[in-house]
Amino acid sequence: MKKVWKPGTLLAPVPPTMVSCGTMENPNILTVGWTGITCSDPAQTYISVRKERHSHSIISENGYFVINLPTVSLAKACDFCGVKSGRDINKFAHLGLTPVASENSGCPAIGECPVSIECKVDRIIPLGSHDMFMATILSVSVDEKIIEESGRLALEKADLLAYAHGSYFALGKSVGTFGFSVRKKKKRR
């Protein structure tokens, strides 16, 4: 039997992303859990940010941001960027992270993150506590260490973080791949 609770944000796990914004001269990082893909073609995404966050005004003015996927080794930095404000501290400098200019916008990506997704804001949708920044994905930068010789992206080797109900987790073992439930078994000869 299930107990019914009031409506809440209990969709989990989610990726605890480190969203970078601003310029190379004045970069900032914000931790965002409310993100995802909205369309495959054209490739589009979103982030939802509280209006009072320092990054909200930066992204609103510049029109660009980068979604960076942190590794387990970046868990403390990821958490720090969600509880400290860029109004008070340069998070890149404080955490020893490397700002890397993105391909199309010059918006800083985080060099230590194995995947960085450069985005251009298409529209801002006010939702209540958060505004949703709908964006087109301009480019995806991937660390060569997680690309196999065949060109396959081995994201399982990236040691990415997950976030569920107030806790950070390392992703576990694979239990299947897309389409495995209907894939026909190969006949042995």
C-alpha atoms as a PDB file:
ATOM      1  CA  MET A   1       0.000   0.000   0.000  1.00  0.00           C
ATOM      2  CA  LYS A   2       1.229   3.522  -0.776  1.00  0.00           C
ATOM      3  CA  LYS A   3       0.796   6.603   1.370  1.00  0.00           C
ATOM      4  CA  VAL A   4      -0.290   9.763  -0.508  1.00  0.00           C
ATOM      5  CA  TRP A   5       1.746  12.909   0.153  1.00  0.00           C
ATOM      6  CA  LYS A   6       1.134  16.496  -0.920  1.00  0.00           C
ATOM      7  CA  PRO A   7       2.586  17.504  -4.323  1.00  0.00           C
ATOM      8  CA  GLY A   8       6.366  17.896  -4.247  1.00  0.00           C
ATOM      9  CA  THR A   9       9.629  17.584  -6.133  1.00  0.00           C
ATOM     10  CA  LEU A  10      10.239  13.876  -5.585  1.00  0.00           C
ATOM     11  CA  LEU A  11      11.228  12.942  -9.127  1.00  0.00           C
ATOM     12  CA  ALA A  12      14.619  11.303  -8.600  1.00  0.00           C
ATOM     13  CA  PRO A  13      17.371  10.644  -9.314  1.00  0.00           C
ATOM     14  CA  VAL A  14      18.331  13.727 -11.298  1.00  0.00           C
ATOM     15  CA  PRO A  15      21.702  14.890 -12.587  1.00  0.00           C
ATOM     16  CA  PRO A  16      23.196  17.493 -10.238  1.00  0.00           C
ATOM     17  CA  THR A  17      24.617  19.691 -12.987  1.00  0.00           C
ATOM     18  CA  MET A  18      27.114  22.502 -12.571  1.00  0.00           C
ATOM     19  CA  VAL A  19      25.815  25.280 -14.815  1.00  0.00           C
ATOM     20  CA  SER A  20      28.444  27.827 -15.758  1.00  0.00           C
ATOM     21  CA  CYS A  21      27.612  31.274 -17.047  1.00  0.00           C
ATOM     22  CA  GLY A  22      29.036  34.743 -17.477  1.00  0.00           C
ATOM     23  CA  THR A  23      32.255  35.520 -19.298  1.00  0.00           C
ATOM     24  CA  MET A  24      35.798  34.215 -19.157  1.00  0.00           C
ATOM     25  CA  GLU A  25      36.727  37.367 -17.233  1.00  0.00           C
ATOM     26  CA  ASN A  26      33.781  37.101 -14.823  1.00  0.00           C
ATOM     27  CA  PRO A  27      32.639  33.465 -14.680  1.00  0.00           C
ATOM     28  CA  ASN A  28      30.100  31.907 -12.322  1.00  0.00           C
ATOM     29  CA  ILE A  29      28.823  28.417 -11.475  1.00  0.00           C
ATOM     30  CA  LEU A  30      25.391  27.405 -10.201  1.00  0.00           C
ATOM     31  CA  THR A  31      24.312  23.886  -9.220  1.00  0.00           C
ATOM     32  CA  VAL A  32      21.060  22.927 -10.961  1.00  0.00           C
ATOM     33  CA  GLY A  33      19.021  19.764 -10.521  1.00  0.00           C
ATOM     34  CA  TRP A  34      15.997  20.937 -12.503  1.00  0.00           C
ATOM     35  CA  THR A  35      17.214  20.239 -16.037  1.00  0.00           C
ATOM     36  CA  GLY A  36      16.620  17.855 -18.900  1.00  0.00           C
ATOM     37  CA  ILE A  37      16.193  17.400 -22.630  1.00  0.00           C
ATOM     38  CA  THR A  38      13.062  18.870 -24.215  1.00  0.00           C
ATOM     39  CA  CYS A  39      13.634  17.917 -27.870  1.00  0.00           C
ATOM     40  CA  SER A  40      15.983  15.729 -29.945  1.00  0.00           C
ATOM     41  CA  ASP A  41      15.795  17.533 -33.279  1.00  0.00           C
ATOM     42  CA  PRO A  42      16.631  20.331 -32.941  1.00  0.00           C
ATOM     43  CA  ALA A  43      18.568  19.497 -29.786  1.00  0.00           C
ATOM     44  CA  GLN A  44      17.034  21.517 -26.939  1.00  0.00           C
ATOM     45  CA  THR A  45      17.267  21.581 -23.168  1.00  0.00           C
ATOM     46  CA  TYR A  46      16.219  23.657 -20.181  1.00  0.00           C
ATOM     47  CA  ILE A  47      17.303  24.693 -16.719  1.00  0.00           C
ATOM     48  CA  SER A  48      15.049  26.095 -14.022  1.00  0.00           C
ATOM     49  CA  VAL A  49      16.589  28.769 -11.794  1.00  0.00           C
ATOM     50  CA  ARG A  50      15.199  30.747  -8.863  1.00  0.00           C
ATOM     51  CA  LYS A  51      14.779  34.426  -9.733  1.00  0.00           C
ATOM     52  CA  GLU A  52      16.831  35.585  -6.732  1.00  0.00           C
ATOM     53  CA  ARG A  53      19.911  33.541  -7.717  1.00  0.00           C
ATOM     54  CA  HIS A  54      22.910  35.551  -8.939  1.00  0.00           C
ATOM     55  CA  SER A  55      23.150  33.375 -12.061  1.00  0.00           C
ATOM     56  CA  HIS A  56      19.555  34.169 -13.053  1.00  0.00           C
ATOM     57  CA  SER A  57      20.430  37.759 -13.962  1.00  0.00           C
ATOM     58  CA  ILE A  58      23.700  36.723 -15.648  1.00  0.00           C
ATOM     59  CA  ILE A  59      21.970  34.179 -17.884  1.00  0.00           C
ATOM     60  CA  SER A  60      19.072  36.566 -18.575  1.00  0.00           C
ATOM     61  CA  GLU A  61      21.490  39.287 -19.723  1.00  0.00           C
ATOM     62  CA  ASN A  62      24.061  37.149 -21.611  1.00  0.00           C
ATOM     63  CA  GLY A  63      21.660  34.607 -23.083  1.00  0.00           C
ATOM     64  CA  TYR A  64      24.081  31.690 -22.760  1.00  0.00           C
ATOM     65  CA  PHE A  65      24.977  28.983 -20.250  1.00  0.00           C
ATOM     66  CA  VAL A  66      26.837  25.664 -20.154  1.00  0.00           C
ATOM     67  CA  ILE A  67      25.499  22.517 -18.486  1.00  0.00           C
ATOM     68  CA  ASN A  68      28.511  20.645 -17.083  1.00  0.00           C
ATOM     69  CA  LEU A  69      28.162  17.053 -15.849  1.00  0.00           C
ATOM     70  CA  PRO A  70      30.224  16.559 -12.673  1.00  0.00           C
ATOM     71  CA  THR A  71      32.032  13.407 -11.605  1.00  0.00           C
ATOM     72  CA  VAL A  72      32.031  11.797  -8.164  1.00  0.00           C
ATOM     73  CA  SER A  73      35.351  13.542  -7.454  1.00  0.00           C
ATOM     74  CA  LEU A  74      33.552  16.889  -7.981  1.00  0.00           C
ATOM     75  CA  ALA A  75      30.698  16.144  -5.533  1.00  0.00           C
ATOM     76  CA  LYS A  76      31.946  18.603  -2.899  1.00  0.00           C
ATOM     77  CA  ALA A  77      32.484  21.337  -5.509  1.00  0.00           C
ATOM     78  CA  CYS A  78      29.040  20.648  -6.967  1.00  0.00           C
ATOM     79  CA  ASP A  79      27.418  20.993  -3.553  1.00  0.00           C
ATOM     80  CA  PHE A  80      29.438  24.160  -2.778  1.00  0.00           C
ATOM     81  CA  CYS A  81      28.235  25.813  -5.995  1.00  0.00           C
ATOM     82  CA  GLY A  82      24.653  25.184  -4.911  1.00  0.00           C
ATOM     83  CA  VAL A  83      24.955  26.766  -1.467  1.00  0.00           C
ATOM     84  CA  LYS A  84      27.355  29.689  -2.041  1.00  0.00           C
ATOM     85  CA  SER A  85      26.567  32.756  -4.131  1.00  0.00           C
ATOM     86  CA  GLY A  86      28.709  34.108  -6.941  1.00  0.00           C
ATOM     87  CA  ARG A  87      27.874  37.564  -5.574  1.00  0.00           C
ATOM     88  CA  ASP A  88      30.253  36.811  -2.699  1.00  0.00           C
ATOM     89  CA  ILE A  89      32.921  34.537  -4.157  1.00  0.00           C
ATOM     90  CA  ASN A  90      34.561  33.540  -7.441  1.00  0.00           C
ATOM     91  CA  LYS A  91      33.675  29.836  -7.353  1.00  0.00           C
ATOM     92  CA  PHE A  92      36.099  28.894 -10.149  1.00  0.00           C
ATOM     93  CA  ALA A  93      39.038  30.422  -8.271  1.00  0.00           C
ATOM     94  CA  HIS A  94      37.943  29.231  -4.821  1.00  0.00           C
ATOM     95  CA  LEU A  95      37.493  25.624  -5.980  1.00  0.00           C
ATOM     96  CA  GLY A  96      40.515  25.561  -8.305  1.00  0.00           C
ATOM     97  CA  LEU A  97      38.341  24.822 -11.341  1.00  0.00           C
ATOM     98  CA  THR A  98      39.382  25.678 -14.891  1.00  0.00           C
ATOM     99  CA  PRO A  99      37.160  27.965 -16.989  1.00  0.00           C
ATOM    100  CA  VAL A 100      37.362  26.927 -20.652  1.00  0.00           C
ATOM    101  CA  ALA A 101      35.878  29.105 -23.414  1.00  0.00           C
ATOM    102  CA  SER A 102      32.988  27.415 -25.177  1.00  0.00           C
ATOM    103  CA  GLU A 103      33.050  26.944 -28.928  1.00  0.00           C
ATOM    104  CA  ASN A 104      30.247  29.332 -29.952  1.00  0.00           C
ATOM    105  CA  SER A 105      29.529  31.801 -27.152  1.00  0.00           C
ATOM    106  CA  GLY A 106      32.730  32.277 -25.168  1.00  0.00           C
ATOM    107  CA  CYS A 107      30.693  31.344 -22.087  1.00  0.00           C
ATOM    108  CA  PRO A 108      32.944  29.441 -19.649  1.00  0.00           C
ATOM    109  CA  ALA A 109      32.687  25.657 -19.390  1.00  0.00           C
ATOM    110  CA  ILE A 110      34.268  23.708 -16.508  1.00  0.00           C
ATOM    111  CA  GLY A 111      37.432  21.957 -17.700  1.00  0.00           C
ATOM    112  CA  GLU A 112      37.261  19.270 -15.019  1.00  0.00           C
ATOM    113  CA  CYS A 113      33.784  18.063 -16.064  1.00  0.00           C
ATOM    114  CA  PRO A 114      33.879  15.282 -18.698  1.00  0.00           C
ATOM    115  CA  VAL A 115      30.844  16.632 -20.590  1.00  0.00           C
ATOM    116  CA  SER A 116      29.924  20.277 -21.211  1.00  0.00           C
ATOM    117  CA  ILE A 117      26.761  21.254 -23.113  1.00  0.00           C
ATOM    118  CA  GLU A 118      26.828  24.804 -24.511  1.00  0.00           C
ATOM    119  CA  CYS A 119      23.382  26.404 -24.703  1.00  0.00           C
ATOM    120  CA  LYS A 120      21.742  29.553 -26.107  1.00  0.00           C
ATOM    121  CA  VAL A 121      18.592  30.773 -24.376  1.00  0.00           C
ATOM    122  CA  ASP A 122      15.541  30.814 -26.674  1.00  0.00           C
ATOM    123  CA  ARG A 123      12.979  31.995 -24.148  1.00  0.00           C
ATOM    124  CA  ILE A 124      12.386  32.359 -20.442  1.00  0.00           C
ATOM    125  CA  ILE A 125       9.181  30.960 -18.981  1.00  0.00           C
ATOM    126  CA  PRO A 126       8.125  32.235 -15.521  1.00  0.00           C
ATOM    127  CA  LEU A 127       6.806  29.280 -13.501  1.00  0.00           C
ATOM    128  CA  GLY A 128       6.509  30.427  -9.874  1.00  0.00           C
ATOM    129  CA  SER A 129       9.518  29.873  -7.611  1.00  0.00           C
ATOM    130  CA  HIS A 130      11.699  29.289 -10.703  1.00  0.00           C
ATOM    131  CA  ASP A 131      12.019  30.592 -14.248  1.00  0.00           C
ATOM    132  CA  MET A 132      12.645  28.007 -16.956  1.00  0.00           C
ATOM    133  CA  PHE A 133      15.385  28.906 -19.436  1.00  0.00           C
ATOM    134  CA  MET A 134      14.505  27.033 -22.647  1.00  0.00           C
ATOM    135  CA  ALA A 135      17.621  26.706 -24.793  1.00  0.00           C
ATOM    136  CA  THR A 136      19.070  25.363 -28.014  1.00  0.00           C
ATOM    137  CA  ILE A 137      22.118  23.140 -27.599  1.00  0.00           C
ATOM    138  CA  LEU A 138      24.930  24.724 -29.627  1.00  0.00           C
ATOM    139  CA  SER A 139      27.658  22.143 -28.972  1.00  0.00           C
ATOM    140  CA  VAL A 140      28.652  19.264 -26.727  1.00  0.00           C
ATOM    141  CA  SER A 141      32.273  18.973 -25.579  1.00  0.00           C
ATOM    142  CA  VAL A 142      33.390  15.533 -24.388  1.00  0.00           C
ATOM    143  CA  ASP A 143      36.639  14.533 -22.680  1.00  0.00           C
ATOM    144  CA  GLU A 144      38.622  12.266 -25.024  1.00  0.00           C
ATOM    145  CA  LYS A 145      39.242   9.870 -22.096  1.00  0.00           C
ATOM    146  CA  ILE A 146      35.644   8.620 -22.333  1.00  0.00           C
ATOM    147  CA  ILE A 147      35.593   8.177 -26.113  1.00  0.00           C
ATOM    148  CA  GLU A 148      36.557   4.679 -27.240  1.00  0.00           C
ATOM    149  CA  GLU A 149      38.710   4.002 -30.322  1.00  0.00           C
ATOM    150  CA  SER A 150      35.550   3.103 -32.241  1.00  0.00           C
ATOM    151  CA  GLY A 151      34.187   6.595 -31.500  1.00  0.00           C
ATOM    152  CA  ARG A 152      31.611   5.290 -29.009  1.00  0.00           C
ATOM    153  CA  LEU A 153      30.943   7.574 -26.056  1.00  0.00           C
ATOM    154  CA  ALA A 154      31.639   5.462 -22.951  1.00  0.00           C
ATOM    155  CA  LEU A 155      29.712   7.668 -20.528  1.00  0.00           C
ATOM    156  CA  GLU A 156      29.707   4.835 -17.987  1.00  0.00           C
ATOM    157  CA  LYS A 157      33.462   5.452 -17.571  1.00  0.00           C
ATOM    158  CA  ALA A 158      32.893   9.105 -16.569  1.00  0.00           C
ATOM    159  CA  ASP A 159      31.936   8.292 -12.943  1.00  0.00           C
ATOM    160  CA  LEU A 160      29.034  10.769 -13.023  1.00  0.00           C
ATOM    161  CA  LEU A 161      26.988  11.927 -10.035  1.00  0.00           C
ATOM    162  CA  ALA A 162      23.289  11.472  -9.378  1.00  0.00           C
ATOM    163  CA  TYR A 163      21.136  13.322  -6.818  1.00  0.00           C
ATOM    164  CA  ALA A 164      18.108  11.951  -4.990  1.00  0.00           C
ATOM    165  CA  HIS A 165      16.159  13.480  -2.126  1.00  0.00           C
ATOM    166  CA  GLY A 166      19.012  15.483  -0.577  1.00  0.00           C
ATOM    167  CA  SER A 167      21.888  13.061  -1.216  1.00  0.00           C
ATOM    168  CA  TYR A 168      24.544  12.667  -3.902  1.00  0.00           C
ATOM    169  CA  PHE A 169      25.211   9.193  -5.324  1.00  0.00           C
ATOM    170  CA  ALA A 170      27.713   7.555  -7.639  1.00  0.00           C
ATOM    171  CA  LEU A 171      25.959   5.908 -10.558  1.00  0.00           C
ATOM    172  CA  GLY A 172      25.900   2.114 -10.244  1.00  0.00           C
ATOM    173  CA  LYS A 173      26.156  -0.826 -12.581  1.00  0.00           C
ATOM    174  CA  SER A 174      24.361  -1.099 -15.902  1.00  0.00           C
ATOM    175  CA  VAL A 175      21.290  -3.330 -15.911  1.00  0.00           C
ATOM    176  CA  GLY A 176      20.559  -3.074 -19.643  1.00  0.00           C
ATOM    177  CA  THR A 177      20.870  -0.910 -22.731  1.00  0.00           C
ATOM    178  CA  PHE A 178      18.191   0.886 -24.724  1.00  0.00           C
ATOM    179  CA  GLY A 179      16.030  -1.657 -26.541  1.00  0.00           C
ATOM    180  CA  PHE A 180      17.370  -4.718 -24.689  1.00  0.00           C
ATOM    181  CA  SER A 181      13.859  -5.772 -23.682  1.00  0.00           C
ATOM    182  CA  VAL A 182      12.877  -6.444 -27.299  1.00  0.00           C
ATOM    183  CA  ARG A 183      16.232  -7.304 -28.871  1.00  0.00           C
ATOM    184  CA  LYS A 184      16.339 -10.719 -30.499  1.00  0.00           C
ATOM    185  CA  LYS A 185      18.992 -13.106 -29.288  1.00  0.00           C
ATOM    186  CA  LYS A 186      21.612 -14.113 -31.830  1.00  0.00           C
ATOM    187  CA  LYS A 187      21.436 -17.746 -32.884  1.00  0.00           C
ATOM    188  CA  ARG A 188      24.501 -19.848 -32.193  1.00  0.00           C
ATOM    189  CA  ARG A 189      25.989 -21.671 -35.123  1.00  0.00           C
END
